[in-house]
Amino acid sequence: MDICPSILNFELLSNYASILNTPPVFAVYLFGKVLEWVNSHGGLEAMEEQSKRKSELLYTTIDGSSGFYQNSVPVRNRSKTNVPIRIKNGDEGLEEEFLREAEEKGMYQLKGHSLVGGIRVSLYNAVSYEDLLILIDFMKEFLKNHS
């Protein structure tokens, strides 16, 4: 095949009795470990259900905050994995306080993208529902103390 990448051209590999490129061994190993973890936690269907459950809880908390927390993404386009949040129309002082207090409670990496600002909650598969409940409780406490 003329358009086949050399790394996938088995005839070429056979002719040289070798591989032409070193595969990303660690990445392949790590991917295997992730797949084992996913399978041990119920497989893809369970991951999908947990993802939906976690994102629905977070969006319900945001939408039920009477505008204190805001997510400007239209409902039909909302991500189940990364959720951007602004506080009181982008009040940077309050957002910095939120991030500082969250870190004091052991919640890290919540700062939004450097070009966008705000807060970004990542609901990756390894983030448990219980982890999210801790964040939700903190969000409710922060809202109560600053509204």
N, C-alpha and C. Protein backbone atom coordinates (compact mmCIF):
# COMPACT_ATOMS: atom_id res chain seq x y z
N MET A 1 0.85 -1.17 0.00
CA MET A 1 0.00 0.00 0.00
C MET A 1 0.90 1.24 0.00
N ASP A 2 0.71 2.14 -0.93
CA ASP A 2 1.55 3.32 -1.04
C ASP A 2 1.34 4.31 0.09
N ILE A 3 0.14 4.37 0.64
CA ILE A 3 -0.13 5.38 1.66
C ILE A 3 -0.03 4.85 3.09
N CYS A 4 0.37 3.62 3.25
CA CYS A 4 0.45 3.02 4.58
C CYS A 4 1.68 3.56 5.33
N PRO A 5 1.49 4.05 6.54
CA PRO A 5 2.66 4.50 7.32
C PRO A 5 3.62 3.33 7.54
N SER A 6 4.89 3.60 7.49
CA SER A 6 5.88 2.53 7.59
C SER A 6 5.74 1.72 8.87
N ILE A 7 5.34 2.36 9.95
CA ILE A 7 5.21 1.64 11.22
C ILE A 7 4.10 0.59 11.18
N LEU A 8 3.15 0.75 10.24
CA LEU A 8 2.05 -0.21 10.10
C LEU A 8 2.21 -1.11 8.87
N ASN A 9 3.29 -0.94 8.14
CA ASN A 9 3.53 -1.73 6.94
C ASN A 9 4.25 -3.02 7.34
N PHE A 10 3.48 -4.08 7.55
CA PHE A 10 4.05 -5.32 8.06
C PHE A 10 4.99 -5.98 7.06
N GLU A 11 4.76 -5.78 5.78
CA GLU A 11 5.69 -6.33 4.78
C GLU A 11 7.06 -5.69 4.94
N LEU A 12 7.09 -4.38 5.09
CA LEU A 12 8.35 -3.66 5.28
C LEU A 12 9.03 -4.10 6.58
N LEU A 13 8.26 -4.24 7.63
CA LEU A 13 8.82 -4.68 8.91
C LEU A 13 9.41 -6.08 8.77
N SER A 14 8.71 -6.95 8.06
CA SER A 14 9.19 -8.31 7.85
C SER A 14 10.48 -8.33 7.03
N ASN A 15 10.54 -7.49 6.00
CA ASN A 15 11.73 -7.44 5.15
C ASN A 15 12.97 -7.02 5.94
N TYR A 16 12.80 -6.14 6.92
CA TYR A 16 13.93 -5.67 7.72
C TYR A 16 14.11 -6.51 8.98
N ALA A 17 13.18 -7.41 9.25
CA ALA A 17 13.21 -8.25 10.45
C ALA A 17 13.38 -7.39 11.70
N SER A 18 12.72 -6.26 11.69
CA SER A 18 12.84 -5.32 12.81
C SER A 18 11.70 -4.32 12.71
N ILE A 19 11.56 -3.54 13.75
CA ILE A 19 10.61 -2.44 13.68
C ILE A 19 11.37 -1.18 13.29
N LEU A 20 10.71 -0.30 12.58
CA LEU A 20 11.37 0.91 12.10
C LEU A 20 11.34 2.02 13.13
N ASN A 21 10.35 2.00 13.97
CA ASN A 21 10.22 3.01 15.02
C ASN A 21 10.02 2.29 16.34
N THR A 22 10.58 2.84 17.39
CA THR A 22 10.37 2.27 18.71
C THR A 22 8.99 2.70 19.20
N PRO A 23 8.14 1.74 19.50
CA PRO A 23 6.81 2.12 20.00
C PRO A 23 6.92 2.78 21.37
N PRO A 24 5.95 3.60 21.73
CA PRO A 24 5.97 4.27 23.04
C PRO A 24 5.63 3.25 24.13
N VAL A 25 6.62 2.49 24.54
CA VAL A 25 6.42 1.34 25.42
C VAL A 25 5.73 1.73 26.72
N PHE A 26 6.21 2.78 27.37
CA PHE A 26 5.61 3.16 28.65
C PHE A 26 4.16 3.58 28.47
N ALA A 27 3.88 4.32 27.40
CA ALA A 27 2.50 4.76 27.15
C ALA A 27 1.59 3.55 26.91
N VAL A 28 2.07 2.56 26.19
CA VAL A 28 1.28 1.35 25.93
C VAL A 28 1.07 0.59 27.24
N TYR A 29 2.11 0.48 28.06
CA TYR A 29 2.01 -0.19 29.36
C TYR A 29 0.98 0.52 30.25
N LEU A 30 1.11 1.85 30.32
CA LEU A 30 0.22 2.63 31.16
C LEU A 30 -1.23 2.53 30.67
N PHE A 31 -1.42 2.55 29.37
CA PHE A 31 -2.76 2.40 28.81
C PHE A 31 -3.36 1.05 29.22
N GLY A 32 -2.54 0.02 29.20
CA GLY A 32 -3.01 -1.29 29.65
C GLY A 32 -3.44 -1.28 31.11
N LYS A 33 -2.68 -0.58 31.95
CA LYS A 33 -3.03 -0.47 33.37
C LYS A 33 -4.36 0.28 33.54
N VAL A 34 -4.54 1.34 32.76
CA VAL A 34 -5.79 2.10 32.83
C VAL A 34 -6.96 1.22 32.42
N LEU A 35 -6.80 0.45 31.36
CA LEU A 35 -7.88 -0.44 30.92
C LEU A 35 -8.18 -1.50 31.97
N GLU A 36 -7.15 -2.02 32.64
CA GLU A 36 -7.39 -2.97 33.74
C GLU A 36 -8.21 -2.32 34.84
N TRP A 37 -7.85 -1.07 35.18
CA TRP A 37 -8.57 -0.34 36.23
C TRP A 37 -10.03 -0.13 35.82
N VAL A 38 -10.24 0.30 34.59
CA VAL A 38 -11.61 0.52 34.09
C VAL A 38 -12.41 -0.78 34.18
N ASN A 39 -11.82 -1.87 33.72
CA ASN A 39 -12.53 -3.16 33.77
C ASN A 39 -12.83 -3.59 35.20
N SER A 40 -11.90 -3.33 36.12
CA SER A 40 -12.12 -3.73 37.51
C SER A 40 -13.16 -2.85 38.21
N HIS A 41 -13.52 -1.74 37.59
CA HIS A 41 -14.53 -0.84 38.15
C HIS A 41 -15.82 -0.84 37.33
N GLY A 42 -16.08 -1.94 36.64
CA GLY A 42 -17.36 -2.09 35.95
C GLY A 42 -17.34 -1.89 34.46
N GLY A 43 -16.21 -1.54 33.89
CA GLY A 43 -16.11 -1.39 32.44
C GLY A 43 -16.61 -0.03 31.95
N LEU A 44 -16.70 0.08 30.64
CA LEU A 44 -17.06 1.35 30.02
C LEU A 44 -18.47 1.81 30.38
N GLU A 45 -19.39 0.86 30.49
CA GLU A 45 -20.76 1.24 30.84
C GLU A 45 -20.81 1.89 32.22
N ALA A 46 -20.07 1.34 33.16
CA ALA A 46 -20.03 1.91 34.52
C ALA A 46 -19.36 3.28 34.50
N MET A 47 -18.31 3.43 33.70
CA MET A 47 -17.62 4.72 33.61
C MET A 47 -18.57 5.78 33.05
N GLU A 48 -19.35 5.41 32.03
CA GLU A 48 -20.31 6.34 31.43
C GLU A 48 -21.37 6.75 32.45
N GLU A 49 -21.91 5.78 33.18
CA GLU A 49 -22.94 6.06 34.17
C GLU A 49 -22.41 6.96 35.28
N GLN A 50 -21.20 6.67 35.76
CA GLN A 50 -20.61 7.49 36.82
C GLN A 50 -20.33 8.91 36.31
N SER A 51 -19.86 9.01 35.09
CA SER A 51 -19.58 10.31 34.50
C SER A 51 -20.85 11.15 34.42
N LYS A 52 -21.92 10.53 33.97
CA LYS A 52 -23.21 11.22 33.87
C LYS A 52 -23.70 11.65 35.25
N ARG A 53 -23.62 10.75 36.20
CA ARG A 53 -24.10 11.02 37.57
C ARG A 53 -23.31 12.17 38.20
N LYS A 54 -21.99 12.16 38.04
CA LYS A 54 -21.15 13.21 38.63
C LYS A 54 -21.41 14.56 37.98
N SER A 55 -21.46 14.58 36.65
CA SER A 55 -21.65 15.87 35.97
C SER A 55 -23.04 16.44 36.26
N GLU A 56 -24.05 15.59 36.33
CA GLU A 56 -25.40 16.08 36.64
C GLU A 56 -25.44 16.71 38.03
N LEU A 57 -24.77 16.10 39.00
CA LEU A 57 -24.74 16.66 40.35
C LEU A 57 -24.04 18.02 40.36
N LEU A 58 -22.91 18.11 39.67
CA LEU A 58 -22.18 19.38 39.66
C LEU A 58 -22.97 20.47 38.94
N TYR A 59 -23.54 20.16 37.78
CA TYR A 59 -24.33 21.16 37.06
C TYR A 59 -25.58 21.56 37.84
N THR A 60 -26.19 20.63 38.55
CA THR A 60 -27.35 20.95 39.38
C THR A 60 -26.95 21.92 40.49
N THR A 61 -25.79 21.71 41.07
CA THR A 61 -25.29 22.61 42.11
C THR A 61 -25.04 24.00 41.54
N ILE A 62 -24.40 24.06 40.38
CA ILE A 62 -24.12 25.36 39.74
C ILE A 62 -25.43 26.06 39.39
N ASP A 63 -26.31 25.36 38.69
CA ASP A 63 -27.56 25.96 38.22
C ASP A 63 -28.49 26.33 39.37
N GLY A 64 -28.35 25.67 40.51
CA GLY A 64 -29.20 25.95 41.66
C GLY A 64 -28.63 26.97 42.62
N SER A 65 -27.57 27.66 42.21
CA SER A 65 -26.91 28.62 43.12
C SER A 65 -27.41 30.05 42.95
N SER A 66 -28.51 30.23 42.24
CA SER A 66 -29.09 31.57 42.00
C SER A 66 -28.08 32.54 41.39
N GLY A 67 -27.24 32.03 40.49
CA GLY A 67 -26.30 32.88 39.77
C GLY A 67 -24.97 33.10 40.47
N PHE A 68 -24.80 32.59 41.68
CA PHE A 68 -23.51 32.75 42.37
C PHE A 68 -22.43 32.01 41.58
N TYR A 69 -22.70 30.74 41.25
CA TYR A 69 -21.82 29.98 40.37
C TYR A 69 -22.46 30.01 38.99
N GLN A 70 -21.62 30.17 37.97
CA GLN A 70 -22.14 30.25 36.61
C GLN A 70 -21.34 29.37 35.67
N ASN A 71 -22.05 28.78 34.73
CA ASN A 71 -21.45 28.03 33.64
C ASN A 71 -22.13 28.54 32.38
N SER A 72 -21.36 29.16 31.50
CA SER A 72 -21.96 29.81 30.33
C SER A 72 -22.12 28.87 29.14
N VAL A 73 -21.78 27.61 29.29
CA VAL A 73 -21.91 26.67 28.18
C VAL A 73 -23.37 26.24 28.05
N PRO A 74 -23.94 26.33 26.83
CA PRO A 74 -25.32 25.88 26.65
C PRO A 74 -25.49 24.43 27.11
N VAL A 75 -26.63 24.13 27.69
CA VAL A 75 -26.88 22.81 28.29
C VAL A 75 -26.56 21.68 27.31
N ARG A 76 -26.95 21.82 26.06
CA ARG A 76 -26.74 20.74 25.09
C ARG A 76 -25.26 20.52 24.75
N ASN A 77 -24.41 21.50 25.08
CA ASN A 77 -22.99 21.39 24.76
C ASN A 77 -22.11 21.13 25.98
N ARG A 78 -22.70 20.97 27.13
CA ARG A 78 -21.91 20.82 28.35
C ARG A 78 -21.12 19.51 28.38
N SER A 79 -19.89 19.64 28.86
CA SER A 79 -19.01 18.49 28.99
C SER A 79 -19.32 17.71 30.26
N LYS A 80 -19.15 16.40 30.19
CA LYS A 80 -19.28 15.57 31.38
C LYS A 80 -17.92 15.43 32.07
N THR A 81 -16.88 15.97 31.47
CA THR A 81 -15.54 15.78 32.01
C THR A 81 -14.95 17.05 32.59
N ASN A 82 -14.98 18.15 31.85
CA ASN A 82 -14.39 19.41 32.31
C ASN A 82 -15.47 20.48 32.38
N VAL A 83 -15.64 21.02 33.58
CA VAL A 83 -16.72 21.97 33.83
C VAL A 83 -16.14 23.32 34.24
N PRO A 84 -16.23 24.33 33.36
CA PRO A 84 -15.76 25.66 33.74
C PRO A 84 -16.81 26.38 34.59
N ILE A 85 -16.34 27.07 35.60
CA ILE A 85 -17.23 27.79 36.51
C ILE A 85 -16.68 29.19 36.74
N ARG A 86 -17.58 30.15 36.77
CA ARG A 86 -17.24 31.51 37.21
C ARG A 86 -18.06 31.80 38.45
N ILE A 87 -17.54 32.68 39.29
CA ILE A 87 -18.25 33.09 40.50
C ILE A 87 -18.64 34.54 40.35
N LYS A 88 -19.92 34.82 40.54
CA LYS A 88 -20.48 36.18 40.47
C LYS A 88 -19.94 36.96 39.27
N ASN A 89 -20.23 36.45 38.09
CA ASN A 89 -19.83 37.11 36.83
C ASN A 89 -18.33 37.32 36.70
N GLY A 90 -17.56 36.42 37.23
CA GLY A 90 -16.10 36.51 37.07
C GLY A 90 -15.42 37.37 38.10
N ASP A 91 -15.92 37.41 39.31
CA ASP A 91 -15.28 38.15 40.41
C ASP A 91 -13.96 37.46 40.75
N GLU A 92 -12.86 38.01 40.22
CA GLU A 92 -11.56 37.35 40.37
C GLU A 92 -11.12 37.23 41.82
N GLY A 93 -11.46 38.21 42.64
CA GLY A 93 -11.11 38.14 44.06
C GLY A 93 -11.78 36.96 44.74
N LEU A 94 -13.08 36.79 44.48
CA LEU A 94 -13.80 35.65 45.06
C LEU A 94 -13.30 34.33 44.50
N GLU A 95 -12.98 34.31 43.22
CA GLU A 95 -12.48 33.07 42.62
C GLU A 95 -11.13 32.69 43.21
N GLU A 96 -10.26 33.67 43.43
CA GLU A 96 -8.97 33.39 44.07
C GLU A 96 -9.17 32.89 45.49
N GLU A 97 -10.11 33.48 46.20
CA GLU A 97 -10.41 33.03 47.57
C GLU A 97 -10.95 31.60 47.55
N PHE A 98 -11.83 31.32 46.60
CA PHE A 98 -12.37 29.96 46.44
C PHE A 98 -11.23 28.97 46.23
N LEU A 99 -10.33 29.29 45.32
CA LEU A 99 -9.21 28.38 45.02
C LEU A 99 -8.31 28.19 46.23
N ARG A 100 -8.04 29.28 46.94
CA ARG A 100 -7.18 29.21 48.13
C ARG A 100 -7.82 28.33 49.21
N GLU A 101 -9.09 28.57 49.48
CA GLU A 101 -9.79 27.78 50.49
C GLU A 101 -9.91 26.31 50.07
N ALA A 102 -10.12 26.08 48.79
CA ALA A 102 -10.21 24.70 48.30
C ALA A 102 -8.88 23.98 48.53
N GLU A 103 -7.77 24.66 48.24
CA GLU A 103 -6.46 24.03 48.47
C GLU A 103 -6.23 23.75 49.94
N GLU A 104 -6.69 24.64 50.81
CA GLU A 104 -6.56 24.41 52.25
C GLU A 104 -7.31 23.15 52.66
N LYS A 105 -8.33 22.79 51.89
CA LYS A 105 -9.13 21.59 52.19
C LYS A 105 -8.67 20.38 51.37
N GLY A 106 -7.53 20.53 50.69
CA GLY A 106 -6.96 19.41 49.94
C GLY A 106 -7.47 19.23 48.53
N MET A 107 -8.10 20.25 47.96
CA MET A 107 -8.59 20.17 46.59
C MET A 107 -7.70 21.05 45.71
N TYR A 108 -7.00 20.41 44.79
CA TYR A 108 -6.01 21.09 43.96
C TYR A 108 -6.41 21.06 42.49
N GLN A 109 -5.70 21.88 41.71
CA GLN A 109 -5.87 21.91 40.25
C GLN A 109 -7.28 22.31 39.83
N LEU A 110 -7.87 23.24 40.54
CA LEU A 110 -9.21 23.73 40.19
C LEU A 110 -9.16 25.05 39.42
N LYS A 111 -7.98 25.61 39.26
CA LYS A 111 -7.87 26.89 38.57
C LYS A 111 -8.17 26.70 37.08
N GLY A 112 -8.94 27.63 36.54
CA GLY A 112 -9.31 27.57 35.14
C GLY A 112 -8.13 27.84 34.22
N HIS A 113 -8.36 27.71 32.94
CA HIS A 113 -7.33 27.93 31.93
C HIS A 113 -6.78 29.35 32.05
N SER A 114 -5.49 29.51 31.81
CA SER A 114 -4.84 30.81 32.00
C SER A 114 -5.44 31.90 31.10
N LEU A 115 -5.98 31.56 29.96
CA LEU A 115 -6.57 32.56 29.08
C LEU A 115 -8.03 32.87 29.42
N VAL A 116 -8.68 31.97 30.14
CA VAL A 116 -10.10 32.12 30.44
C VAL A 116 -10.34 32.51 31.88
N GLY A 117 -9.53 31.98 32.78
CA GLY A 117 -9.70 32.27 34.21
C GLY A 117 -10.78 31.41 34.83
N GLY A 118 -11.21 31.84 35.99
CA GLY A 118 -12.27 31.12 36.69
C GLY A 118 -11.79 29.82 37.30
N ILE A 119 -12.70 28.89 37.37
CA ILE A 119 -12.48 27.60 38.00
C ILE A 119 -12.81 26.52 36.98
N ARG A 120 -12.07 25.44 37.02
CA ARG A 120 -12.38 24.31 36.13
C ARG A 120 -12.35 23.04 36.96
N VAL A 121 -13.46 22.35 36.99
CA VAL A 121 -13.56 21.08 37.70
C VAL A 121 -13.45 19.96 36.67
N SER A 122 -12.47 19.10 36.85
CA SER A 122 -12.28 17.96 35.95
C SER A 122 -12.82 16.71 36.63
N LEU A 123 -13.78 16.09 36.00
CA LEU A 123 -14.45 14.91 36.55
C LEU A 123 -13.95 13.64 35.86
N TYR A 124 -12.65 13.45 35.87
CA TYR A 124 -12.07 12.27 35.24
C TYR A 124 -12.57 11.01 35.93
N ASN A 125 -12.42 9.87 35.26
CA ASN A 125 -12.93 8.61 35.80
C ASN A 125 -12.39 8.30 37.18
N ALA A 126 -11.14 8.66 37.46
CA ALA A 126 -10.54 8.34 38.75
C ALA A 126 -11.05 9.23 39.88
N VAL A 127 -11.78 10.30 39.54
CA VAL A 127 -12.40 11.15 40.56
C VAL A 127 -13.69 10.46 40.98
N SER A 128 -13.74 10.05 42.23
CA SER A 128 -14.90 9.30 42.71
C SER A 128 -16.09 10.23 42.98
N TYR A 129 -17.25 9.62 43.09
CA TYR A 129 -18.45 10.37 43.46
C TYR A 129 -18.27 10.99 44.84
N GLU A 130 -17.63 10.26 45.74
CA GLU A 130 -17.37 10.77 47.09
C GLU A 130 -16.45 11.99 47.05
N ASP A 131 -15.44 11.96 46.16
CA ASP A 131 -14.56 13.13 45.98
C ASP A 131 -15.39 14.34 45.55
N LEU A 132 -16.29 14.12 44.62
CA LEU A 132 -17.14 15.21 44.13
C LEU A 132 -18.04 15.74 45.24
N LEU A 133 -18.56 14.86 46.09
CA LEU A 133 -19.41 15.31 47.20
C LEU A 133 -18.65 16.25 48.13
N ILE A 134 -17.37 16.00 48.33
CA ILE A 134 -16.55 16.89 49.16
C ILE A 134 -16.49 18.28 48.51
N LEU A 135 -16.28 18.32 47.20
CA LEU A 135 -16.26 19.60 46.49
C LEU A 135 -17.61 20.29 46.56
N ILE A 136 -18.69 19.54 46.35
CA ILE A 136 -20.04 20.12 46.38
C ILE A 136 -20.32 20.72 47.76
N ASP A 137 -19.98 20.00 48.82
CA ASP A 137 -20.17 20.53 50.18
C ASP A 137 -19.40 21.82 50.36
N PHE A 138 -18.16 21.85 49.86
CA PHE A 138 -17.36 23.07 49.95
C PHE A 138 -18.00 24.20 49.16
N MET A 139 -18.49 23.91 47.95
CA MET A 139 -19.13 24.94 47.13
C MET A 139 -20.35 25.52 47.85
N LYS A 140 -21.14 24.67 48.48
CA LYS A 140 -22.33 25.15 49.21
C LYS A 140 -21.92 26.00 50.41
N GLU A 141 -20.89 25.58 51.11
CA GLU A 141 -20.39 26.35 52.25
C GLU A 141 -19.84 27.71 51.79
N PHE A 142 -19.09 27.71 50.70
CA PHE A 142 -18.52 28.95 50.17
C PHE A 142 -19.63 29.90 49.74
N LEU A 143 -20.64 29.38 49.07
CA LEU A 143 -21.79 30.19 48.65
C LEU A 143 -22.47 30.80 49.88
N LYS A 144 -22.71 30.00 50.88
CA LYS A 144 -23.38 30.47 52.11
C LYS A 144 -22.58 31.60 52.77
N ASN A 145 -21.26 31.49 52.76
CA ASN A 145 -20.41 32.48 53.42
C ASN A 145 -20.17 33.74 52.59
N HIS A 146 -20.51 33.70 51.29
CA HIS A 146 -20.18 34.84 50.42
C HIS A 146 -21.36 35.38 49.62
N SER A 147 -22.57 34.94 49.93
CA SER A 147 -23.71 35.47 49.15
C SER A 147 -24.43 36.56 49.92
